[in-house]
Protein backbone atom coordinates (compact mmCIF):
# COMPACT_ATOMS: atom_id res chain seq x y z
CA UNK A 1 -24.97 -29.83 -27.57
CA UNK A 2 -27.63 -27.35 -28.40
CA UNK A 3 -31.30 -28.21 -27.17
CA UNK A 4 -33.38 -26.33 -29.30
CA UNK A 5 -36.59 -27.30 -28.11
CA UNK A 6 -36.44 -24.94 -25.05
CA UNK A 7 -35.73 -20.95 -25.18
CA UNK A 8 -32.15 -21.84 -23.46
CA UNK A 9 -29.30 -23.10 -24.94
CA UNK A 10 -27.71 -25.28 -22.81
CA UNK A 11 -23.58 -26.64 -23.22
CA UNK A 12 -22.67 -29.07 -20.91
CA UNK A 13 -25.21 -28.42 -18.71
CA UNK A 14 -24.66 -25.19 -18.01
CA UNK A 15 -26.97 -22.30 -18.83
CA UNK A 16 -25.77 -19.58 -21.57
CA UNK A 17 -27.98 -17.16 -19.72
CA UNK A 18 -27.26 -18.20 -15.91
CA UNK A 19 -23.06 -17.72 -17.43
CA UNK A 20 -23.89 -14.22 -18.85
CA UNK A 21 -25.83 -13.24 -15.72
CA UNK A 22 -22.82 -14.63 -13.21
CA UNK A 23 -20.10 -12.82 -15.70
CA UNK A 24 -22.40 -9.39 -15.51
CA UNK A 25 -23.47 -9.91 -11.66
CA UNK A 26 -19.25 -10.06 -10.95
CA UNK A 27 -18.48 -7.29 -13.37
CA UNK A 28 -20.86 -4.87 -11.89
CA UNK A 29 -20.65 -5.51 -8.14
CA UNK A 30 -19.33 -2.30 -6.35
CA UNK A 31 -17.43 -4.39 -3.74
CA UNK A 32 -15.11 -6.18 -5.54
CA UNK A 33 -12.23 -4.59 -7.15
CA UNK A 34 -9.88 -6.67 -8.92
CA UNK A 35 -7.39 -3.80 -9.27
CA UNK A 36 -6.47 -3.47 -5.80
CA UNK A 37 -3.37 -5.06 -4.29
CA UNK A 38 -3.01 -6.08 -0.80
CA UNK A 39 -0.30 -3.31 -0.12
CA UNK A 40 -3.35 -0.65 -1.35
CA UNK A 41 -1.70 0.01 -4.66
CA UNK A 42 -3.51 -0.39 -7.67
CA UNK A 43 -2.43 -2.82 -10.91
CA UNK A 44 -2.53 0.15 -13.12
CA UNK A 45 0.24 1.99 -11.05
CA UNK A 46 3.37 3.02 -12.66
CA UNK A 47 5.20 3.36 -9.25
CA UNK A 48 2.87 1.36 -6.45
CA UNK A 49 0.98 4.41 -4.60
CA UNK A 50 -1.86 4.25 -1.68
CA UNK A 51 -5.24 4.40 -2.88
CA UNK A 52 -7.94 5.32 -0.16
CA UNK A 53 -10.53 3.54 -2.21
CA UNK A 54 -8.35 0.22 -2.01
CA UNK A 55 -9.10 0.07 1.92
CA UNK A 56 -10.87 -3.29 2.78
CA UNK A 57 -10.71 -4.74 -0.61
CA UNK A 58 -7.93 -7.69 -2.02
CA UNK A 59 -6.66 -7.61 1.76
CA UNK A 60 -5.80 -3.68 1.72
CA UNK A 61 -6.50 -2.57 5.38
CA UNK A 62 -5.33 0.54 6.54
CA UNK A 63 -4.70 1.27 10.17
CA UNK A 64 -7.48 4.04 11.01
CA UNK A 65 -8.60 6.78 9.11
CA UNK A 66 -6.02 9.26 10.04
CA UNK A 67 -3.50 6.71 8.66
CA UNK A 68 -5.28 5.94 5.17
CA UNK A 69 -5.61 10.30 5.17
CA UNK A 70 -1.61 10.87 5.94
CA UNK A 71 -0.87 8.16 3.30
CA UNK A 72 -3.46 8.92 0.65
CA UNK A 73 -3.24 12.35 0.86
CA UNK A 74 -6.84 12.87 1.19
CA UNK A 75 -7.75 16.04 -0.94
CA UNK A 76 -5.17 16.50 -3.46
CA UNK A 77 -4.40 14.62 -6.41
CA UNK A 78 -1.03 13.64 -5.40
CA UNK A 79 -1.22 9.88 -3.39
CA UNK A 80 1.97 8.87 -1.05
CA UNK A 81 4.10 5.98 -2.64
CA UNK A 82 3.83 2.51 -0.80
CA UNK A 83 6.80 1.89 1.70
CA UNK A 84 7.04 5.90 2.42
CA UNK A 85 7.24 7.06 6.02
CA UNK A 86 4.98 10.25 6.89
CA UNK A 87 4.49 11.88 9.88
CA UNK A 88 0.98 10.53 11.65
CA UNK A 89 1.11 13.53 14.47
CA UNK A 90 3.61 15.29 16.17
CA UNK A 91 5.90 12.06 18.11
CA UNK A 92 4.41 9.42 15.54
CA UNK A 93 5.44 8.15 12.15
CA UNK A 94 4.12 5.58 9.97
CA UNK A 95 5.01 3.53 6.87
CA UNK A 96 2.53 4.18 4.16
CA UNK A 97 0.25 1.78 3.26
CA UNK A 98 1.66 -0.65 5.89
CA UNK A 99 1.75 -1.26 9.82
CA UNK A 100 0.23 1.17 12.49
CA UNK A 101 1.87 4.26 13.76
CA UNK A 102 5.11 4.32 15.46
CA UNK A 103 6.97 6.37 17.90
CA UNK A 104 9.77 8.26 15.87
CA UNK A 105 13.06 7.85 17.92
CA UNK A 106 16.31 9.43 17.20
CA UNK A 107 19.51 7.29 17.97
CA UNK A 108 22.07 8.79 20.01
CA UNK A 109 25.88 7.21 19.66
CA UNK A 110 28.07 7.62 22.22
CA UNK A 111 31.75 6.05 22.25
CA UNK A 112 33.04 5.98 25.52
CA UNK A 113 36.87 5.70 25.82
CA UNK A 114 37.81 5.81 22.39
CA UNK A 115 40.72 7.76 21.34
CA UNK A 116 40.57 8.11 17.67
CA UNK A 117 36.94 8.56 16.27
CA UNK A 118 36.44 9.59 12.33
CA UNK A 119 32.55 10.27 11.87
CA UNK A 120 31.69 10.19 7.96
CA UNK A 121 28.22 11.87 7.10
CA UNK A 122 25.96 10.98 3.65
CA UNK A 123 22.66 12.02 2.44
CA UNK A 124 21.31 8.70 1.18
CA UNK A 125 17.72 7.89 -0.11
CA UNK A 126 16.15 5.31 1.67
CA UNK A 127 12.10 4.46 1.52
CA UNK A 128 11.39 7.06 -0.53
CA UNK A 129 12.81 10.13 1.70
CA UNK A 130 16.00 11.60 1.68
CA UNK A 131 17.63 10.94 5.25
CA UNK A 132 21.31 11.25 6.91
CA UNK A 133 23.69 8.73 7.36
CA UNK A 134 26.22 8.47 10.10
CA UNK A 135 29.07 6.02 10.12
CA UNK A 136 31.48 6.45 13.43
CA UNK A 137 34.78 4.58 13.07
CA UNK A 138 36.65 4.20 16.10
CA UNK A 139 39.48 2.11 17.81
């Protein structure tokens, strides 16, 4: 209950002043960012986008500075959506905001000895980009 003999009021053994100080300290701490998700997007994003300021907060870790730059478009107002594939350099790609750069390989498919080959090519939307899907059917 209330103890009116001292300047601080205590409830169940906790000081109101101490509790308010703790709440203010957590709220004003610059290192704590509750709005960042582990995939480097923010809880306020309608579509999950990569944010450079989430790096190191709540489990968000970019592979390196170049990955952060590529995936967040530093210097512009447009960020890249989570899971989108971007060019890291001339030979490598990176899946934004997760993973490290990887070598971009193009699959070459050959069908030796096939008599009848039917190829269907379509443009599909995959991981945030339009890509060419090639389906080969043979006997």
